[in-house]
Amino acid sequence: MEVLKMITISVNDIFDKIMGNEEEIIIKRNNEADDLVLLTAKKYNTILEELKKLKCNQGINKNIRNIKIK
């Protein structure tokens, strides 16, 4: 039954969605959890950099809280 849930997309459909969109392609499914998102390497790297900054900021905030407690 899982095979029936697989996403089948033709190459032409993907190219049609790429035109005019330089960062991402979202292929809609029955619900948002099943959507397929294709990212360009540039967009992917931007997201990774933002996540690294967030992780660093969370570490700094944790250290500040630890200092205030002592």
PDB file of N, CA and C in Angstrom:
ATOM      1  N   MET A   1       0.807  -1.202   0.000  1.00  0.00           N
ATOM      2  CA  MET A   1       0.000   0.000   0.000  1.00  0.00           C
ATOM      3  C   MET A   1       0.852   1.269   0.000  1.00  0.00           C
ATOM      4  N   GLU A   2       2.016   1.221   0.646  1.00  0.00           N
ATOM      5  CA  GLU A   2       2.881   2.397   0.679  1.00  0.00           C
ATOM      6  C   GLU A   2       3.290   2.826  -0.726  1.00  0.00           C
ATOM      7  N   VAL A   3       3.426   1.865  -1.613  1.00  0.00           N
ATOM      8  CA  VAL A   3       3.807   2.182  -2.986  1.00  0.00           C
ATOM      9  C   VAL A   3       2.780   3.101  -3.625  1.00  0.00           C
ATOM     10  N   LEU A   4       1.521   2.934  -3.276  1.00  0.00           N
ATOM     11  CA  LEU A   4       0.471   3.770  -3.845  1.00  0.00           C
ATOM     12  C   LEU A   4       0.583   5.217  -3.388  1.00  0.00           C
ATOM     13  N   LYS A   5       1.244   5.453  -2.256  1.00  0.00           N
ATOM     14  CA  LYS A   5       1.369   6.808  -1.730  1.00  0.00           C
ATOM     15  C   LYS A   5       2.591   7.541  -2.282  1.00  0.00           C
ATOM     16  N   MET A   6       3.404   6.855  -3.072  1.00  0.00           N
ATOM     17  CA  MET A   6       4.608   7.479  -3.603  1.00  0.00           C
ATOM     18  C   MET A   6       4.254   8.666  -4.495  1.00  0.00           C
ATOM     19  N   ILE A   7       5.166   9.623  -4.534  1.00  0.00           N
ATOM     20  CA  ILE A   7       4.968  10.814  -5.368  1.00  0.00           C
ATOM     21  C   ILE A   7       5.551  10.541  -6.748  1.00  0.00           C
ATOM     22  N   THR A   8       4.742  10.748  -7.763  1.00  0.00           N
ATOM     23  CA  THR A   8       5.196  10.586  -9.132  1.00  0.00           C
ATOM     24  C   THR A   8       5.126  11.943  -9.809  1.00  0.00           C
ATOM     25  N   ILE A   9       6.264  12.418 -10.246  1.00  0.00           N
ATOM     26  CA  ILE A   9       6.339  13.738 -10.863  1.00  0.00           C
ATOM     27  C   ILE A   9       7.136  13.612 -12.156  1.00  0.00           C
ATOM     28  N   SER A  10       6.607  14.132 -13.219  1.00  0.00           N
ATOM     29  CA  SER A  10       7.353  14.089 -14.470  1.00  0.00           C
ATOM     30  C   SER A  10       8.378  15.217 -14.482  1.00  0.00           C
ATOM     31  N   VAL A  11       9.440  15.010 -15.227  1.00  0.00           N
ATOM     32  CA  VAL A  11      10.493  16.017 -15.334  1.00  0.00           C
ATOM     33  C   VAL A  11       9.928  17.315 -15.888  1.00  0.00           C
ATOM     34  N   ASN A  12       9.011  17.236 -16.829  1.00  0.00           N
ATOM     35  CA  ASN A  12       8.411  18.439 -17.402  1.00  0.00           C
ATOM     36  C   ASN A  12       7.669  19.245 -16.342  1.00  0.00           C
ATOM     37  N   ASP A  13       6.965  18.564 -15.434  1.00  0.00           N
ATOM     38  CA  ASP A  13       6.264  19.265 -14.357  1.00  0.00           C
ATOM     39  C   ASP A  13       7.248  20.037 -13.488  1.00  0.00           C
ATOM     40  N   ILE A  14       8.375  19.414 -13.181  1.00  0.00           N
ATOM     41  CA  ILE A  14       9.376  20.080 -12.341  1.00  0.00           C
ATOM     42  C   ILE A  14       9.933  21.298 -13.062  1.00  0.00           C
ATOM     43  N   PHE A  15      10.293  21.164 -14.341  1.00  0.00           N
ATOM     44  CA  PHE A  15      10.831  22.296 -15.084  1.00  0.00           C
ATOM     45  C   PHE A  15       9.813  23.427 -15.192  1.00  0.00           C
ATOM     46  N   ASP A  16       8.539  23.078 -15.348  1.00  0.00           N
ATOM     47  CA  ASP A  16       7.499  24.104 -15.397  1.00  0.00           C
ATOM     48  C   ASP A  16       7.448  24.883 -14.091  1.00  0.00           C
ATOM     49  N   LYS A  17       7.648  24.207 -12.974  1.00  0.00           N
ATOM     50  CA  LYS A  17       7.595  24.863 -11.673  1.00  0.00           C
ATOM     51  C   LYS A  17       8.860  25.675 -11.406  1.00  0.00           C
ATOM     52  N   ILE A  18       9.991  25.263 -11.988  1.00  0.00           N
ATOM     53  CA  ILE A  18      11.260  25.954 -11.763  1.00  0.00           C
ATOM     54  C   ILE A  18      11.266  27.325 -12.434  1.00  0.00           C
ATOM     55  N   MET A  19      10.671  27.421 -13.589  1.00  0.00           N
ATOM     56  CA  MET A  19      10.721  28.665 -14.347  1.00  0.00           C
ATOM     57  C   MET A  19      10.186  29.822 -13.509  1.00  0.00           C
ATOM     58  N   GLY A  20      11.006  30.833 -13.312  1.00  0.00           N
ATOM     59  CA  GLY A  20      10.582  32.007 -12.561  1.00  0.00           C
ATOM     60  C   GLY A  20      10.735  31.866 -11.060  1.00  0.00           C
ATOM     61  N   ASN A  21      11.161  30.722 -10.591  1.00  0.00           N
ATOM     62  CA  ASN A  21      11.348  30.531  -9.161  1.00  0.00           C
ATOM     63  C   ASN A  21      12.781  30.074  -8.937  1.00  0.00           C
ATOM     64  N   GLU A  22      13.592  30.935  -8.333  1.00  0.00           N
ATOM     65  CA  GLU A  22      15.014  30.654  -8.210  1.00  0.00           C
ATOM     66  C   GLU A  22      15.399  29.995  -6.894  1.00  0.00           C
ATOM     67  N   GLU A  23      14.467  29.848  -5.962  1.00  0.00           N
ATOM     68  CA  GLU A  23      14.857  29.354  -4.652  1.00  0.00           C
ATOM     69  C   GLU A  23      14.214  28.038  -4.247  1.00  0.00           C
ATOM     70  N   GLU A  24      12.964  27.830  -4.606  1.00  0.00           N
ATOM     71  CA  GLU A  24      12.299  26.620  -4.130  1.00  0.00           C
ATOM     72  C   GLU A  24      11.151  26.215  -5.035  1.00  0.00           C
ATOM     73  N   ILE A  25      10.825  24.953  -4.954  1.00  0.00           N
ATOM     74  CA  ILE A  25       9.661  24.410  -5.647  1.00  0.00           C
ATOM     75  C   ILE A  25       8.859  23.664  -4.597  1.00  0.00           C
ATOM     76  N   ILE A  26       7.591  23.958  -4.499  1.00  0.00           N
ATOM     77  CA  ILE A  26       6.728  23.247  -3.565  1.00  0.00           C
ATOM     78  C   ILE A  26       5.699  22.474  -4.376  1.00  0.00           C
ATOM     79  N   ILE A  27       5.712  21.175  -4.204  1.00  0.00           N
ATOM     80  CA  ILE A  27       4.755  20.319  -4.892  1.00  0.00           C
ATOM     81  C   ILE A  27       3.706  19.924  -3.869  1.00  0.00           C
ATOM     82  N   LYS A  28       2.506  20.421  -4.072  1.00  0.00           N
ATOM     83  CA  LYS A  28       1.424  20.237  -3.097  1.00  0.00           C
ATOM     84  C   LYS A  28       0.886  18.812  -3.125  1.00  0.00           C
ATOM     85  N   ARG A  29       0.600  18.320  -1.924  1.00  0.00           N
ATOM     86  CA  ARG A  29       0.005  17.001  -1.761  1.00  0.00           C
ATOM     87  C   ARG A  29      -1.325  17.155  -1.031  1.00  0.00           C
ATOM     88  N   ASN A  30      -1.852  16.080  -0.519  1.00  0.00           N
ATOM     89  CA  ASN A  30      -3.151  16.112   0.160  1.00  0.00           C
ATOM     90  C   ASN A  30      -3.143  16.992   1.403  1.00  0.00           C
ATOM     91  N   ASN A  31      -2.034  17.015   2.112  1.00  0.00           N
ATOM     92  CA  ASN A  31      -1.923  17.891   3.279  1.00  0.00           C
ATOM     93  C   ASN A  31      -0.502  18.442   3.329  1.00  0.00           C
ATOM     94  N   GLU A  32      -0.297  19.491   4.132  1.00  0.00           N
ATOM     95  CA  GLU A  32       1.005  20.153   4.162  1.00  0.00           C
ATOM     96  C   GLU A  32       2.131  19.222   4.588  1.00  0.00           C
ATOM     97  N   ALA A  33       1.828  18.257   5.436  1.00  0.00           N
ATOM     98  CA  ALA A  33       2.864  17.337   5.909  1.00  0.00           C
ATOM     99  C   ALA A  33       3.430  16.496   4.775  1.00  0.00           C
ATOM    100  N   ASP A  34       2.659  16.289   3.741  1.00  0.00           N
ATOM    101  CA  ASP A  34       3.094  15.465   2.616  1.00  0.00           C
ATOM    102  C   ASP A  34       3.651  16.281   1.456  1.00  0.00           C
ATOM    103  N   ASP A  35       3.667  17.623   1.565  1.00  0.00           N
ATOM    104  CA  ASP A  35       4.206  18.456   0.493  1.00  0.00           C
ATOM    105  C   ASP A  35       5.677  18.121   0.268  1.00  0.00           C
ATOM    106  N   LEU A  36       6.112  18.209  -0.969  1.00  0.00           N
ATOM    107  CA  LEU A  36       7.507  17.996  -1.318  1.00  0.00           C
ATOM    108  C   LEU A  36       8.108  19.355  -1.639  1.00  0.00           C
ATOM    109  N   VAL A  37       9.223  19.691  -0.979  1.00  0.00           N
ATOM    110  CA  VAL A  37       9.877  20.974  -1.203  1.00  0.00           C
ATOM    111  C   VAL A  37      11.277  20.709  -1.738  1.00  0.00           C
ATOM    112  N   LEU A  38      11.560  21.252  -2.910  1.00  0.00           N
ATOM    113  CA  LEU A  38      12.890  21.160  -3.505  1.00  0.00           C
ATOM    114  C   LEU A  38      13.546  22.526  -3.375  1.00  0.00           C
ATOM    115  N   LEU A  39      14.751  22.565  -2.809  1.00  0.00           N
ATOM    116  CA  LEU A  39      15.459  23.823  -2.607  1.00  0.00           C
ATOM    117  C   LEU A  39      16.684  23.891  -3.503  1.00  0.00           C
ATOM    118  N   THR A  40      17.042  25.102  -3.925  1.00  0.00           N
ATOM    119  CA  THR A  40      18.309  25.282  -4.613  1.00  0.00           C
ATOM    120  C   THR A  40      19.417  25.199  -3.567  1.00  0.00           C
ATOM    121  N   ALA A  41      20.632  24.944  -4.020  1.00  0.00           N
ATOM    122  CA  ALA A  41      21.769  24.874  -3.097  1.00  0.00           C
ATOM    123  C   ALA A  41      21.948  26.212  -2.381  1.00  0.00           C
ATOM    124  N   LYS A  42      21.714  27.316  -3.087  1.00  0.00           N
ATOM    125  CA  LYS A  42      21.859  28.644  -2.489  1.00  0.00           C
ATOM    126  C   LYS A  42      20.869  28.831  -1.336  1.00  0.00           C
ATOM    127  N   LYS A  43      19.616  28.484  -1.550  1.00  0.00           N
ATOM    128  CA  LYS A  43      18.589  28.612  -0.512  1.00  0.00           C
ATOM    129  C   LYS A  43      18.900  27.674   0.656  1.00  0.00           C
ATOM    130  N   TYR A  44      19.326  26.451   0.358  1.00  0.00           N
ATOM    131  CA  TYR A  44      19.681  25.472   1.385  1.00  0.00           C
ATOM    132  C   TYR A  44      20.818  26.003   2.260  1.00  0.00           C
ATOM    133  N   ASN A  45      21.853  26.547   1.629  1.00  0.00           N
ATOM    134  CA  ASN A  45      22.986  27.086   2.385  1.00  0.00           C
ATOM    135  C   ASN A  45      22.574  28.282   3.234  1.00  0.00           C
ATOM    136  N   THR A  46      21.683  29.115   2.730  1.00  0.00           N
ATOM    137  CA  THR A  46      21.175  30.251   3.498  1.00  0.00           C
ATOM    138  C   THR A  46      20.444  29.764   4.743  1.00  0.00           C
ATOM    139  N   ILE A  47      19.616  28.747   4.595  1.00  0.00           N
ATOM    140  CA  ILE A  47      18.888  28.187   5.736  1.00  0.00           C
ATOM    141  C   ILE A  47      19.864  27.600   6.751  1.00  0.00           C
ATOM    142  N   LEU A  48      20.890  26.881   6.274  1.00  0.00           N
ATOM    143  CA  LEU A  48      21.883  26.310   7.193  1.00  0.00           C
ATOM    144  C   LEU A  48      22.607  27.395   7.983  1.00  0.00           C
ATOM    145  N   GLU A  49      22.976  28.478   7.315  1.00  0.00           N
ATOM    146  CA  GLU A  49      23.657  29.581   7.999  1.00  0.00           C
ATOM    147  C   GLU A  49      22.768  30.197   9.074  1.00  0.00           C
ATOM    148  N   GLU A  50      21.492  30.380   8.763  1.00  0.00           N
ATOM    149  CA  GLU A  50      20.559  30.935   9.750  1.00  0.00           C
ATOM    150  C   GLU A  50      20.403  29.998  10.945  1.00  0.00           C
ATOM    151  N   LEU A  51      20.361  28.694  10.687  1.00  0.00           N
ATOM    152  CA  LEU A  51      20.263  27.724  11.780  1.00  0.00           C
ATOM    153  C   LEU A  51      21.514  27.748  12.660  1.00  0.00           C
ATOM    154  N   LYS A  52      22.688  27.900  12.039  1.00  0.00           N
ATOM    155  CA  LYS A  52      23.935  27.991  12.806  1.00  0.00           C
ATOM    156  C   LYS A  52      23.926  29.231  13.696  1.00  0.00           C
ATOM    157  N   LYS A  53      23.456  30.362  13.158  1.00  0.00           N
ATOM    158  CA  LYS A  53      23.371  31.593  13.951  1.00  0.00           C
ATOM    159  C   LYS A  53      22.413  31.416  15.122  1.00  0.00           C
ATOM    160  N   LEU A  54      21.273  30.790  14.866  1.00  0.00           N
ATOM    161  CA  LEU A  54      20.284  30.555  15.911  1.00  0.00           C
ATOM    162  C   LEU A  54      20.860  29.668  17.012  1.00  0.00           C
ATOM    163  N   LYS A  55      21.544  28.609  16.621  1.00  0.00           N
ATOM    164  CA  LYS A  55      22.154  27.702  17.598  1.00  0.00           C
ATOM    165  C   LYS A  55      23.196  28.442  18.430  1.00  0.00           C
ATOM    166  N   CYS A  56      23.994  29.269  17.788  1.00  0.00           N
ATOM    167  CA  CYS A  56      25.011  30.053  18.494  1.00  0.00           C
ATOM    168  C   CYS A  56      24.350  31.014  19.472  1.00  0.00           C
ATOM    169  N   ASN A  57      23.303  31.703  19.029  1.00  0.00           N
ATOM    170  CA  ASN A  57      22.591  32.645  19.902  1.00  0.00           C
ATOM    171  C   ASN A  57      21.955  31.939  21.086  1.00  0.00           C
ATOM    172  N   GLN A  58      21.426  30.743  20.868  1.00  0.00           N
ATOM    173  CA  GLN A  58      20.833  29.986  21.968  1.00  0.00           C
ATOM    174  C   GLN A  58      21.903  29.607  22.986  1.00  0.00           C
ATOM    175  N   GLY A  59      23.092  29.259  22.503  1.00  0.00           N
ATOM    176  CA  GLY A  59      24.201  28.939  23.405  1.00  0.00           C
ATOM    177  C   GLY A  59      24.620  30.143  24.221  1.00  0.00           C
ATOM    178  N   ILE A  60      24.663  31.314  23.584  1.00  0.00           N
ATOM    179  CA  ILE A  60      25.019  32.550  24.287  1.00  0.00           C
ATOM    180  C   ILE A  60      23.967  32.871  25.336  1.00  0.00           C
ATOM    181  N   ASN A  61      22.696  32.767  24.966  1.00  0.00           N
ATOM    182  CA  ASN A  61      21.618  33.045  25.927  1.00  0.00           C
ATOM    183  C   ASN A  61      21.672  32.097  27.116  1.00  0.00           C
ATOM    184  N   LYS A  62      21.988  30.838  26.871  1.00  0.00           N
ATOM    185  CA  LYS A  62      22.093  29.856  27.957  1.00  0.00           C
ATOM    186  C   LYS A  62      23.235  30.235  28.894  1.00  0.00           C
ATOM    187  N   ASN A  63      24.363  30.656  28.320  1.00  0.00           N
ATOM    188  CA  ASN A  63      25.508  31.061  29.142  1.00  0.00           C
ATOM    189  C   ASN A  63      25.176  32.292  29.975  1.00  0.00           C
ATOM    190  N   ILE A  64      24.435  33.230  29.399  1.00  0.00           N
ATOM    191  CA  ILE A  64      24.036  34.436  30.138  1.00  0.00           C
ATOM    192  C   ILE A  64      23.144  34.054  31.309  1.00  0.00           C
ATOM    193  N   ARG A  65      22.192  33.168  31.089  1.00  0.00           N
ATOM    194  CA  ARG A  65      21.315  32.716  32.183  1.00  0.00           C
ATOM    195  C   ARG A  65      22.120  32.032  33.281  1.00  0.00           C
ATOM    196  N   ASN A  66      23.101  31.220  32.891  1.00  0.00           N
ATOM    197  CA  ASN A  66      23.933  30.533  33.882  1.00  0.00           C
ATOM    198  C   ASN A  66      24.749  31.521  34.707  1.00  0.00           C
ATOM    199  N   ILE A  67      25.225  32.573  34.081  1.00  0.00           N
ATOM    200  CA  ILE A  67      26.008  33.584  34.797  1.00  0.00           C
ATOM    201  C   ILE A  67      25.119  34.341  35.772  1.00  0.00           C
ATOM    202  N   LYS A  68      23.901  34.692  35.350  1.00  0.00           N
ATOM    203  CA  LYS A  68      22.981  35.433  36.221  1.00  0.00           C
ATOM    204  C   LYS A  68      22.587  34.612  37.438  1.00  0.00           C
ATOM    205  N   ILE A  69      22.484  33.291  37.290  1.00  0.00           N
ATOM    206  CA  ILE A  69      22.081  32.424  38.400  1.00  0.00           C
ATOM    207  C   ILE A  69      23.179  32.348  39.446  1.00  0.00           C
ATOM    208  N   LYS A  70      24.424  32.340  39.035  1.00  0.00           N
ATOM    209  CA  LYS A  70      25.551  32.216  39.966  1.00  0.00           C
ATOM    210  C   LYS A  70      25.733  33.475  40.699  1.00  0.00           C
TER     211      LYS A  70
END
